[in-house]
């Protein structure tokens, strides 16, 4: 399909390739984005054409090493509005986030406490977690899973619509 759009004195043309129109895929078939995937995309060395990003250190592997360059991320990660709905591989989370202290996951698609617990349990020094604007209504946190949050001293749940039972469960397991 060809589409032309005229605004003022400018003419814009668009060409669609059959089968690749973004509107042709049903919304429930959208690919789930993982926490690990988003970290890899945001802090990929290729995304820093003018040098490393602020707070990102890339250490090359020894010659002949099968492992890729390793990312050492800042201690405060801001991954808001990235479409995250799943945790991803636990060992990757632990590797990437060994020294992360603050984590902003606001305005994502996290709607499962199990996925959130997977992330939190693999970030050993996590002190601050922002889950604001994630769709957590109607999802209860099991008391056994609440221990995962025992190291988190500051937890933000603005506009998540979590139940008071979940808030109570969390406050019983977080430090004073």
Protein backbone atom coordinates (compact mmCIF):
# COMPACT_ATOMS: atom_id res chain seq x y z
CA UNK A 1 0.00 0.00 0.00
CA UNK A 2 1.19 3.52 -0.72
CA UNK A 3 0.03 6.42 1.41
CA UNK A 4 0.69 10.09 0.73
CA UNK A 5 0.14 12.83 3.26
CA UNK A 6 0.24 16.50 2.40
CA UNK A 7 0.68 19.06 5.16
CA UNK A 8 1.17 22.64 4.09
CA UNK A 9 3.78 22.64 1.35
CA UNK A 10 5.31 19.27 2.36
CA UNK A 11 4.40 15.90 0.89
CA UNK A 12 5.23 12.73 2.81
CA UNK A 13 5.02 9.26 1.29
CA UNK A 14 4.83 5.92 3.06
CA UNK A 15 5.12 2.49 1.53
CA UNK A 16 3.94 -0.68 3.27
CA UNK A 17 5.44 -4.09 2.67
CA UNK A 18 2.67 -6.66 2.62
CA UNK A 19 2.60 -8.79 5.78
CA UNK A 20 4.73 -6.40 7.82
CA UNK A 21 2.11 -3.80 8.71
CA UNK A 22 2.33 -3.22 12.47
CA UNK A 23 -1.46 -3.15 12.73
CA UNK A 24 -1.83 -6.63 11.20
CA UNK A 25 -0.66 -8.44 14.34
CA UNK A 26 -3.26 -9.00 17.10
CA UNK A 27 -2.25 -7.21 20.32
CA UNK A 28 -2.25 -10.42 22.40
CA UNK A 29 0.54 -11.82 20.24
CA UNK A 30 2.93 -9.04 21.27
CA UNK A 31 6.28 -10.37 22.34
CA UNK A 32 6.89 -10.13 26.09
CA UNK A 33 9.86 -7.91 26.93
CA UNK A 34 12.09 -9.10 29.72
CA UNK A 35 14.03 -7.15 32.33
CA UNK A 36 17.25 -8.74 31.04
CA UNK A 37 16.43 -7.87 27.43
CA UNK A 38 15.78 -4.21 28.30
CA UNK A 39 19.03 -3.92 30.30
CA UNK A 40 20.94 -5.44 27.39
CA UNK A 41 19.34 -3.02 24.92
CA UNK A 42 19.72 0.11 27.05
CA UNK A 43 23.31 -0.52 28.13
CA UNK A 44 24.60 -2.19 24.95
CA UNK A 45 28.04 -0.72 24.08
CA UNK A 46 26.86 -0.25 20.49
CA UNK A 47 24.35 2.32 21.76
CA UNK A 48 27.16 4.64 22.87
CA UNK A 49 28.66 5.91 19.59
CA UNK A 50 30.48 8.77 21.36
CA UNK A 51 31.91 6.66 24.16
CA UNK A 52 30.49 4.88 27.15
CA UNK A 53 27.33 6.12 28.82
CA UNK A 54 27.46 7.83 32.17
CA UNK A 55 28.16 5.27 34.86
CA UNK A 56 28.62 2.38 32.45
CA UNK A 57 31.97 0.63 32.42
CA UNK A 58 32.76 -1.97 29.77
CA UNK A 59 35.61 -4.28 30.60
CA UNK A 60 36.99 -6.30 27.69
CA UNK A 61 37.47 -10.02 28.14
CA UNK A 62 40.97 -11.47 28.08
CA UNK A 63 42.14 -12.46 24.58
CA UNK A 64 40.73 -15.82 23.58
CA UNK A 65 38.03 -15.69 26.26
CA UNK A 66 34.70 -17.09 25.11
CA UNK A 67 32.74 -14.55 27.18
CA UNK A 68 31.66 -11.25 25.69
CA UNK A 69 32.51 -7.86 27.08
CA UNK A 70 30.85 -7.45 30.47
CA UNK A 71 28.70 -4.51 31.44
CA UNK A 72 29.04 -3.04 34.90
CA UNK A 73 25.93 -0.96 35.28
CA UNK A 74 25.29 2.08 37.45
CA UNK A 75 24.04 1.39 40.98
CA UNK A 76 20.75 3.14 40.14
CA UNK A 77 18.94 1.70 37.11
CA UNK A 78 16.05 3.59 35.52
CA UNK A 79 14.09 1.23 33.27
CA UNK A 80 10.71 2.95 33.31
CA UNK A 81 8.25 2.80 30.39
CA UNK A 82 10.09 -0.02 28.60
CA UNK A 83 7.25 -2.56 28.26
CA UNK A 84 8.83 -5.03 30.70
CA UNK A 85 6.47 -7.87 31.59
CA UNK A 86 8.85 -10.73 32.48
CA UNK A 87 12.04 -11.11 34.50
CA UNK A 88 14.23 -13.11 32.16
CA UNK A 89 17.10 -15.41 33.09
CA UNK A 90 17.93 -15.37 36.83
CA UNK A 91 21.66 -15.80 36.32
CA UNK A 92 21.75 -12.87 33.89
CA UNK A 93 19.90 -10.68 36.39
CA UNK A 94 22.37 -11.65 39.12
CA UNK A 95 25.34 -10.96 36.82
CA UNK A 96 24.11 -7.59 35.57
CA UNK A 97 22.74 -6.33 38.89
CA UNK A 98 25.24 -7.55 41.50
CA UNK A 99 25.77 -4.04 42.84
CA UNK A 100 22.48 -2.32 41.91
CA UNK A 101 20.94 -0.47 44.87
CA UNK A 102 18.07 1.45 43.23
CA UNK A 103 15.72 0.16 40.56
CA UNK A 104 12.97 2.11 38.81
CA UNK A 105 10.58 -0.22 36.98
CA UNK A 106 7.67 2.23 36.90
CA UNK A 107 5.17 2.32 34.03
CA UNK A 108 5.94 -1.15 32.66
CA UNK A 109 3.68 -4.17 32.17
CA UNK A 110 4.65 -6.16 35.27
CA UNK A 111 1.46 -7.87 36.43
CA UNK A 112 2.83 -10.97 38.19
CA UNK A 113 4.42 -10.89 41.65
CA UNK A 114 6.37 -14.04 40.70
CA UNK A 115 8.21 -12.14 37.96
CA UNK A 116 8.84 -9.20 40.29
CA UNK A 117 10.15 -11.57 42.99
CA UNK A 118 12.51 -13.16 40.46
CA UNK A 119 14.00 -9.74 39.73
CA UNK A 120 14.20 -8.64 43.39
CA UNK A 121 15.67 -11.91 44.64
CA UNK A 122 18.52 -11.66 42.13
CA UNK A 123 19.47 -8.06 42.99
CA UNK A 124 21.21 -8.71 46.33
CA UNK A 125 21.80 -5.09 47.41
CA UNK A 126 18.45 -3.63 46.35
CA UNK A 127 17.36 -0.88 48.73
CA UNK A 128 14.86 1.10 46.61
CA UNK A 129 12.26 -0.30 44.18
CA UNK A 130 9.74 1.75 42.21
CA UNK A 131 6.86 -0.31 40.79
CA UNK A 132 4.49 2.64 40.23
CA UNK A 133 1.98 2.38 37.39
CA UNK A 134 2.39 -1.36 36.82
CA UNK A 135 -0.92 -3.25 36.46
CA UNK A 136 -0.93 -5.13 39.78
CA UNK A 137 -4.64 -4.92 40.61
CA UNK A 138 -6.26 -8.25 41.39
CA UNK A 139 -2.88 -9.95 41.83
CA UNK A 140 -2.17 -11.12 45.38
CA UNK A 141 1.31 -11.56 46.79
CA UNK A 142 1.73 -14.87 48.58
CA UNK A 143 3.06 -14.43 52.13
CA UNK A 144 5.86 -16.92 51.39
CA UNK A 145 7.03 -14.72 48.48
CA UNK A 146 6.98 -11.54 50.58
CA UNK A 147 10.29 -12.52 52.24
CA UNK A 148 11.91 -11.61 48.93
CA UNK A 149 11.35 -7.94 49.83
CA UNK A 150 13.06 -8.15 53.25
CA UNK A 151 16.10 -6.15 52.04
CA UNK A 152 14.06 -3.47 50.27
CA UNK A 153 13.79 -0.44 52.54
CA UNK A 154 11.84 1.83 50.17
CA UNK A 155 9.08 0.49 47.92
CA UNK A 156 6.92 2.75 45.74
CA UNK A 157 3.51 1.39 44.66
CA UNK A 158 1.78 4.54 43.35
CA UNK A 159 -1.11 3.82 40.96
CA UNK A 160 -0.61 0.05 41.00
CA UNK A 161 -4.02 -0.63 42.56
CA UNK A 162 -2.57 -3.35 44.78
CA UNK A 163 -4.92 -4.60 47.47
CA UNK A 164 -4.57 -3.58 51.11
CA UNK A 165 -3.91 -7.25 51.89
CA UNK A 166 -0.84 -7.14 49.64
CA UNK A 167 0.35 -3.88 51.22
CA UNK A 168 -0.08 -5.44 54.66
CA UNK A 169 1.82 -8.58 53.59
CA UNK A 170 4.66 -6.45 52.23
CA UNK A 171 4.92 -4.26 55.33
CA UNK A 172 5.16 -7.30 57.60
CA UNK A 173 8.23 -8.48 55.67
CA UNK A 174 10.09 -5.24 55.05
CA UNK A 175 12.56 -3.60 57.44
CA UNK A 176 11.30 -0.84 59.70
